[in-house]
Amino acid sequence: MTGHPPSTQDIETRQITDAWTRIETWITHHAPHTRTLLLTGASPDAVTALQRQIGVRIPVSLKALWARCAGTRTDPYSTFLIGGHALMRLETVATKYSQEMNYHRRHTDDTVTWRAAWIPVFSFSADDQTSGLYLDAETGRLCRWTRYAQHHPEVEYESLTDFLEEMADSLETPGLATSDKPGLVEGALVWGGMIHPEDKHLWTPLTA
């Protein structure tokens, strides 16, 4: 007697968990400073409370990521994710979402500044949310936001899974990295596009 085939949600959860495990394993072995910045995973109750607060059903992919890591500590090297992004803490997600929705409601014209389904996930830094990536809960896509009105979604990745798997692939096989090149600065994972001029002489690109 065979069991039931895995659901789409089960597959998505496993893909996110596997990709994050690859990333975290690499960081643990190669970037000890970055490892100290990772917060522990959020409890189901914490995610449910956030979902209730923003009034949007959180996709299973995002729940799976937050179950493994619920954000990044404040640090100059918090932007360790591919493309130079920081993983936002849950309380910051709620605050940013509320700010953007309130700003949208105050607009009297038809300009789209934010939509209810847009959940901010990655930001410019751990404490700077002037730009970043949000997850569209309706389409599953990761899109860019800036400090200006979002007239049209700027799609960066088709899914959160694609984002994490590309990062894991780039760390494990840096020679195949296309969008950005990973490297290290004194035990911190830093992507080539985010090197501060003062750290350029310290940055060592990954070659294997």
C-alpha atoms as a PDB file:
ATOM      1  CA  MET A   1       0.000   0.000   0.000  1.00  0.00           C
ATOM      2  CA  THR A   2       1.525   3.292  -1.092  1.00  0.00           C
ATOM      3  CA  GLY A   3       1.189   6.604   0.694  1.00  0.00           C
ATOM      4  CA  HIS A   4      -0.315   9.744  -0.735  1.00  0.00           C
ATOM      5  CA  PRO A   5       1.940  11.779  -3.055  1.00  0.00           C
ATOM      6  CA  PRO A   6       3.389  14.923  -1.465  1.00  0.00           C
ATOM      7  CA  SER A   7       1.310  18.053  -1.878  1.00  0.00           C
ATOM      8  CA  THR A   8       2.544  21.179  -3.621  1.00  0.00           C
ATOM      9  CA  GLN A   9       2.933  22.816  -0.215  1.00  0.00           C
ATOM     10  CA  ASP A  10       4.974  19.885   1.087  1.00  0.00           C
ATOM     11  CA  ILE A  11       7.273  20.089  -1.929  1.00  0.00           C
ATOM     12  CA  GLU A  12       7.677  23.851  -1.559  1.00  0.00           C
ATOM     13  CA  THR A  13       8.486  23.529   2.138  1.00  0.00           C
ATOM     14  CA  ARG A  14      11.083  20.848   1.439  1.00  0.00           C
ATOM     15  CA  GLN A  15      12.694  22.924  -1.336  1.00  0.00           C
ATOM     16  CA  ILE A  16      13.027  25.981   0.913  1.00  0.00           C
ATOM     17  CA  THR A  17      14.323  23.914   3.827  1.00  0.00           C
ATOM     18  CA  ASP A  18      16.866  22.116   1.649  1.00  0.00           C
ATOM     19  CA  ALA A  19      18.117  25.358   0.048  1.00  0.00           C
ATOM     20  CA  TRP A  20      18.462  27.134   3.394  1.00  0.00           C
ATOM     21  CA  THR A  21      20.224  24.123   4.907  1.00  0.00           C
ATOM     22  CA  ARG A  22      22.799  24.304   2.105  1.00  0.00           C
ATOM     23  CA  ILE A  23      23.299  28.030   2.703  1.00  0.00           C
ATOM     24  CA  GLU A  24      23.531  27.724   6.474  1.00  0.00           C
ATOM     25  CA  THR A  25      25.895  24.752   6.241  1.00  0.00           C
ATOM     26  CA  TRP A  26      28.225  26.685   3.946  1.00  0.00           C
ATOM     27  CA  ILE A  27      28.122  29.764   6.201  1.00  0.00           C
ATOM     28  CA  THR A  28      28.845  27.659   9.280  1.00  0.00           C
ATOM     29  CA  HIS A  29      31.975  26.226   7.673  1.00  0.00           C
ATOM     30  CA  HIS A  30      33.280  29.283   5.811  1.00  0.00           C
ATOM     31  CA  ALA A  31      31.799  32.514   7.227  1.00  0.00           C
ATOM     32  CA  PRO A  32      31.802  32.356  11.053  1.00  0.00           C
ATOM     33  CA  HIS A  33      31.034  36.061  11.474  1.00  0.00           C
ATOM     34  CA  THR A  34      27.964  35.795   9.286  1.00  0.00           C
ATOM     35  CA  ARG A  35      26.841  32.757  11.255  1.00  0.00           C
ATOM     36  CA  THR A  36      26.682  34.841  14.438  1.00  0.00           C
ATOM     37  CA  LEU A  37      24.221  37.215  12.731  1.00  0.00           C
ATOM     38  CA  LEU A  38      21.533  34.625  12.041  1.00  0.00           C
ATOM     39  CA  LEU A  39      18.579  34.609  14.400  1.00  0.00           C
ATOM     40  CA  THR A  40      16.932  31.345  15.358  1.00  0.00           C
ATOM     41  CA  GLY A  41      13.763  30.277  13.621  1.00  0.00           C
ATOM     42  CA  ALA A  42      10.385  31.748  14.490  1.00  0.00           C
ATOM     43  CA  SER A  43       7.779  29.646  16.240  1.00  0.00           C
ATOM     44  CA  PRO A  44       4.505  28.844  14.427  1.00  0.00           C
ATOM     45  CA  ASP A  45       2.714  31.051  16.955  1.00  0.00           C
ATOM     46  CA  ALA A  46       4.949  34.011  16.093  1.00  0.00           C
ATOM     47  CA  VAL A  47       4.271  33.600  12.375  1.00  0.00           C
ATOM     48  CA  THR A  48       0.536  33.223  13.032  1.00  0.00           C
ATOM     49  CA  ALA A  49       0.592  36.430  15.094  1.00  0.00           C
ATOM     50  CA  LEU A  50       2.319  38.280  12.255  1.00  0.00           C
ATOM     51  CA  GLN A  51      -0.197  36.912   9.762  1.00  0.00           C
ATOM     52  CA  ARG A  52      -3.031  38.130  11.965  1.00  0.00           C
ATOM     53  CA  GLN A  53      -1.372  41.533  12.360  1.00  0.00           C
ATOM     54  CA  ILE A  54      -0.933  42.234   8.647  1.00  0.00           C
ATOM     55  CA  GLY A  55      -4.097  40.435   7.576  1.00  0.00           C
ATOM     56  CA  VAL A  56      -2.451  38.495   4.756  1.00  0.00           C
ATOM     57  CA  ARG A  57      -2.058  34.730   4.457  1.00  0.00           C
ATOM     58  CA  ILE A  58       1.682  34.059   4.561  1.00  0.00           C
ATOM     59  CA  PRO A  59       2.827  31.636   1.831  1.00  0.00           C
ATOM     60  CA  VAL A  60       4.214  28.289   2.929  1.00  0.00           C
ATOM     61  CA  SER A  61       7.591  29.105   1.361  1.00  0.00           C
ATOM     62  CA  LEU A  62       8.020  32.116   3.617  1.00  0.00           C
ATOM     63  CA  LYS A  63       6.824  30.177   6.646  1.00  0.00           C
ATOM     64  CA  ALA A  64       9.447  27.534   5.872  1.00  0.00           C
ATOM     65  CA  LEU A  65      12.223  30.127   5.653  1.00  0.00           C
ATOM     66  CA  TRP A  66      11.214  31.880   8.870  1.00  0.00           C
ATOM     67  CA  ALA A  67      11.004  28.516  10.645  1.00  0.00           C
ATOM     68  CA  ARG A  68      14.743  28.185   9.984  1.00  0.00           C
ATOM     69  CA  CYS A  69      15.829  31.810  10.433  1.00  0.00           C
ATOM     70  CA  ALA A  70      13.713  34.729  11.614  1.00  0.00           C
ATOM     71  CA  GLY A  71      15.979  37.566  10.550  1.00  0.00           C
ATOM     72  CA  THR A  72      19.419  39.085  10.897  1.00  0.00           C
ATOM     73  CA  ARG A  73      21.107  40.926  13.745  1.00  0.00           C
ATOM     74  CA  THR A  74      22.212  44.532  13.266  1.00  0.00           C
ATOM     75  CA  ASP A  75      25.709  44.534  11.786  1.00  0.00           C
ATOM     76  CA  PRO A  76      27.606  46.185   8.896  1.00  0.00           C
ATOM     77  CA  TYR A  77      27.702  42.739   7.248  1.00  0.00           C
ATOM     78  CA  SER A  78      24.017  41.899   7.675  1.00  0.00           C
ATOM     79  CA  THR A  79      23.568  42.035   3.887  1.00  0.00           C
ATOM     80  CA  PHE A  80      24.936  38.534   3.322  1.00  0.00           C
ATOM     81  CA  LEU A  81      22.158  37.330   0.988  1.00  0.00           C
ATOM     82  CA  ILE A  82      22.733  37.260  -2.744  1.00  0.00           C
ATOM     83  CA  GLY A  83      22.356  40.696  -4.263  1.00  0.00           C
ATOM     84  CA  GLY A  84      23.353  42.297  -0.972  1.00  0.00           C
ATOM     85  CA  HIS A  85      20.131  41.906   1.007  1.00  0.00           C
ATOM     86  CA  ALA A  86      19.413  41.374   4.705  1.00  0.00           C
ATOM     87  CA  LEU A  87      16.696  39.041   5.964  1.00  0.00           C
ATOM     88  CA  MET A  88      14.195  41.232   7.811  1.00  0.00           C
ATOM     89  CA  ARG A  89      13.142  40.442  11.376  1.00  0.00           C
ATOM     90  CA  LEU A  90       9.441  39.671  11.857  1.00  0.00           C
ATOM     91  CA  GLU A  91       8.746  42.846  13.828  1.00  0.00           C
ATOM     92  CA  THR A  92      10.399  44.873  11.060  1.00  0.00           C
ATOM     93  CA  VAL A  93       8.255  43.125   8.468  1.00  0.00           C
ATOM     94  CA  ALA A  94       5.129  44.162  10.349  1.00  0.00           C
ATOM     95  CA  THR A  95       6.282  47.765  10.761  1.00  0.00           C
ATOM     96  CA  LYS A  96       7.324  48.162   7.131  1.00  0.00           C
ATOM     97  CA  TYR A  97       4.110  46.576   5.859  1.00  0.00           C
ATOM     98  CA  SER A  98       1.992  48.887   8.017  1.00  0.00           C
ATOM     99  CA  GLN A  99       3.917  51.972   6.885  1.00  0.00           C
ATOM    100  CA  GLU A 100       3.548  51.128   3.211  1.00  0.00           C
ATOM    101  CA  MET A 101      -0.153  50.276   3.461  1.00  0.00           C
ATOM    102  CA  ASN A 102      -0.886  53.482   5.392  1.00  0.00           C
ATOM    103  CA  TYR A 103       0.990  55.499   2.788  1.00  0.00           C
ATOM    104  CA  HIS A 104      -0.975  53.780   0.027  1.00  0.00           C
ATOM    105  CA  ARG A 105      -4.317  54.513   1.706  1.00  0.00           C
ATOM    106  CA  ARG A 106      -3.469  58.220   1.975  1.00  0.00           C
ATOM    107  CA  HIS A 107      -3.084  58.484  -1.790  1.00  0.00           C
ATOM    108  CA  THR A 108      -6.225  59.828  -3.427  1.00  0.00           C
ATOM    109  CA  ASP A 109      -5.209  59.095  -7.027  1.00  0.00           C
ATOM    110  CA  ASP A 110      -4.888  55.706  -8.705  1.00  0.00           C
ATOM    111  CA  THR A 111      -1.150  55.381  -8.127  1.00  0.00           C
ATOM    112  CA  VAL A 112      -0.194  51.978  -6.752  1.00  0.00           C
ATOM    113  CA  THR A 113       2.320  52.431  -3.973  1.00  0.00           C
ATOM    114  CA  TRP A 114       1.766  49.070  -2.259  1.00  0.00           C
ATOM    115  CA  ARG A 115      -0.659  46.172  -2.441  1.00  0.00           C
ATOM    116  CA  ALA A 116      -2.083  44.118   0.410  1.00  0.00           C
ATOM    117  CA  ALA A 117      -0.493  40.925  -0.954  1.00  0.00           C
ATOM    118  CA  TRP A 118       3.046  42.342  -0.891  1.00  0.00           C
ATOM    119  CA  ILE A 119       4.998  41.049   2.119  1.00  0.00           C
ATOM    120  CA  PRO A 120       8.443  42.657   2.655  1.00  0.00           C
ATOM    121  CA  VAL A 121      11.106  40.001   3.235  1.00  0.00           C
ATOM    122  CA  PHE A 122      14.587  41.321   2.354  1.00  0.00           C
ATOM    123  CA  SER A 123      15.824  44.870   2.916  1.00  0.00           C
ATOM    124  CA  PHE A 124      18.771  47.161   2.165  1.00  0.00           C
ATOM    125  CA  SER A 125      20.210  46.327   5.587  1.00  0.00           C
ATOM    126  CA  ALA A 126      19.039  44.952   8.919  1.00  0.00           C
ATOM    127  CA  ASP A 127      17.879  48.419   9.997  1.00  0.00           C
ATOM    128  CA  ASP A 128      17.369  50.255   6.692  1.00  0.00           C
ATOM    129  CA  GLN A 129      14.194  49.476   4.748  1.00  0.00           C
ATOM    130  CA  THR A 130      14.451  52.145   2.040  1.00  0.00           C
ATOM    131  CA  SER A 131      14.633  49.368  -0.552  1.00  0.00           C
ATOM    132  CA  GLY A 132      14.447  45.624  -0.747  1.00  0.00           C
ATOM    133  CA  LEU A 133      12.461  42.669  -2.032  1.00  0.00           C
ATOM    134  CA  TYR A 134       8.877  41.756  -1.202  1.00  0.00           C
ATOM    135  CA  LEU A 135       7.112  38.441  -1.755  1.00  0.00           C
ATOM    136  CA  ASP A 136       3.843  38.747  -3.656  1.00  0.00           C
ATOM    137  CA  ALA A 137       1.572  36.373  -1.757  1.00  0.00           C
ATOM    138  CA  GLU A 138      -0.675  36.013  -4.821  1.00  0.00           C
ATOM    139  CA  THR A 139       1.956  35.176  -7.447  1.00  0.00           C
ATOM    140  CA  GLY A 140       4.827  33.862  -5.313  1.00  0.00           C
ATOM    141  CA  ARG A 141       7.255  36.206  -7.063  1.00  0.00           C
ATOM    142  CA  LEU A 142       9.984  38.248  -5.395  1.00  0.00           C
ATOM    143  CA  CYS A 143       9.841  41.860  -6.554  1.00  0.00           C
ATOM    144  CA  ARG A 144      11.850  44.979  -5.795  1.00  0.00           C
ATOM    145  CA  TRP A 145      10.617  47.968  -3.826  1.00  0.00           C
ATOM    146  CA  THR A 146      12.288  51.354  -3.430  1.00  0.00           C
ATOM    147  CA  ARG A 147      11.521  54.550  -1.548  1.00  0.00           C
ATOM    148  CA  TYR A 148       9.457  55.645  -4.544  1.00  0.00           C
ATOM    149  CA  ALA A 149       5.950  54.526  -5.532  1.00  0.00           C
ATOM    150  CA  GLN A 150       5.807  51.038  -7.027  1.00  0.00           C
ATOM    151  CA  HIS A 151       3.955  51.731 -10.272  1.00  0.00           C
ATOM    152  CA  HIS A 152       4.729  48.279 -11.688  1.00  0.00           C
ATOM    153  CA  PRO A 153       6.237  45.260  -9.911  1.00  0.00           C
ATOM    154  CA  GLU A 154       9.912  44.780 -10.760  1.00  0.00           C
ATOM    155  CA  VAL A 155      10.241  40.995 -10.704  1.00  0.00           C
ATOM    156  CA  GLU A 156      13.645  39.832  -9.454  1.00  0.00           C
ATOM    157  CA  TYR A 157      12.917  36.125  -8.970  1.00  0.00           C
ATOM    158  CA  GLU A 158      10.002  33.916  -9.928  1.00  0.00           C
ATOM    159  CA  SER A 159       9.936  32.429  -6.432  1.00  0.00           C
ATOM    160  CA  LEU A 160      11.607  32.453  -3.051  1.00  0.00           C
ATOM    161  CA  THR A 161      12.882  28.976  -3.871  1.00  0.00           C
ATOM    162  CA  ASP A 162      14.670  30.296  -6.961  1.00  0.00           C
ATOM    163  CA  PHE A 163      16.327  33.026  -4.878  1.00  0.00           C
ATOM    164  CA  LEU A 164      17.634  30.656  -2.210  1.00  0.00           C
ATOM    165  CA  GLU A 165      18.677  27.924  -4.633  1.00  0.00           C
ATOM    166  CA  GLU A 166      20.638  30.411  -6.752  1.00  0.00           C
ATOM    167  CA  MET A 167      22.431  31.611  -3.639  1.00  0.00           C
ATOM    168  CA  ALA A 168      23.202  28.060  -2.493  1.00  0.00           C
ATOM    169  CA  ASP A 169      24.518  27.161  -5.958  1.00  0.00           C
ATOM    170  CA  SER A 170      26.693  30.288  -6.069  1.00  0.00           C
ATOM    171  CA  LEU A 171      28.256  29.487  -2.697  1.00  0.00           C
ATOM    172  CA  GLU A 172      28.901  25.832  -3.442  1.00  0.00           C
ATOM    173  CA  THR A 173      30.116  26.453  -7.019  1.00  0.00           C
ATOM    174  CA  PRO A 174      31.194  30.127  -7.192  1.00  0.00           C
ATOM    175  CA  GLY A 175      32.579  29.734 -10.692  1.00  0.00           C
ATOM    176  CA  LEU A 176      29.025  29.321 -11.956  1.00  0.00           C
ATOM    177  CA  ALA A 177      27.687  32.446 -10.204  1.00  0.00           C
ATOM    178  CA  THR A 178      26.098  34.798 -12.722  1.00  0.00           C
ATOM    179  CA  SER A 179      24.205  37.618 -10.998  1.00  0.00           C
ATOM    180  CA  ASP A 180      26.896  38.374  -8.387  1.00  0.00           C
ATOM    181  CA  LYS A 181      30.114  36.884  -7.075  1.00  0.00           C
ATOM    182  CA  PRO A 182      30.487  35.762  -3.439  1.00  0.00           C
ATOM    183  CA  GLY A 183      33.543  36.466  -1.307  1.00  0.00           C
ATOM    184  CA  LEU A 184      34.744  36.901   2.263  1.00  0.00           C
ATOM    185  CA  VAL A 185      35.806  39.849   4.399  1.00  0.00           C
ATOM    186  CA  GLU A 186      37.255  38.735   7.729  1.00  0.00           C
ATOM    187  CA  GLY A 187      34.870  35.828   8.126  1.00  0.00           C
ATOM    188  CA  ALA A 188      31.825  37.623   6.729  1.00  0.00           C
ATOM    189  CA  LEU A 189      30.071  36.656   3.502  1.00  0.00           C
ATOM    190  CA  VAL A 190      30.059  39.701   1.200  1.00  0.00           C
ATOM    191  CA  TRP A 191      28.870  39.787  -2.403  1.00  0.00           C
ATOM    192  CA  GLY A 192      31.012  41.560  -4.978  1.00  0.00           C
ATOM    193  CA  GLY A 193      28.368  44.114  -5.800  1.00  0.00           C
ATOM    194  CA  MET A 194      28.203  45.229  -2.172  1.00  0.00           C
ATOM    195  CA  ILE A 195      31.879  45.707  -1.312  1.00  0.00           C
ATOM    196  CA  HIS A 196      32.497  48.929   0.580  1.00  0.00           C
ATOM    197  CA  PRO A 197      35.477  50.838  -0.880  1.00  0.00           C
ATOM    198  CA  GLU A 198      37.234  50.667   2.479  1.00  0.00           C
ATOM    199  CA  ASP A 199      36.918  46.859   2.474  1.00  0.00           C
ATOM    200  CA  LYS A 200      37.941  46.252  -1.127  1.00  0.00           C
ATOM    201  CA  HIS A 201      41.489  45.298  -0.199  1.00  0.00           C
ATOM    202  CA  LEU A 202      40.146  42.827   2.382  1.00  0.00           C
ATOM    203  CA  TRP A 203      37.686  41.067   0.079  1.00  0.00           C
ATOM    204  CA  THR A 204      38.673  37.597  -1.078  1.00  0.00           C
ATOM    205  CA  PRO A 205      36.500  36.190  -3.889  1.00  0.00           C
ATOM    206  CA  LEU A 206      35.519  32.546  -3.651  1.00  0.00           C
ATOM    207  CA  THR A 207      37.131  30.387  -6.274  1.00  0.00           C
ATOM    208  CA  ALA A 208      36.097  26.850  -5.400  1.00  0.00           C
END
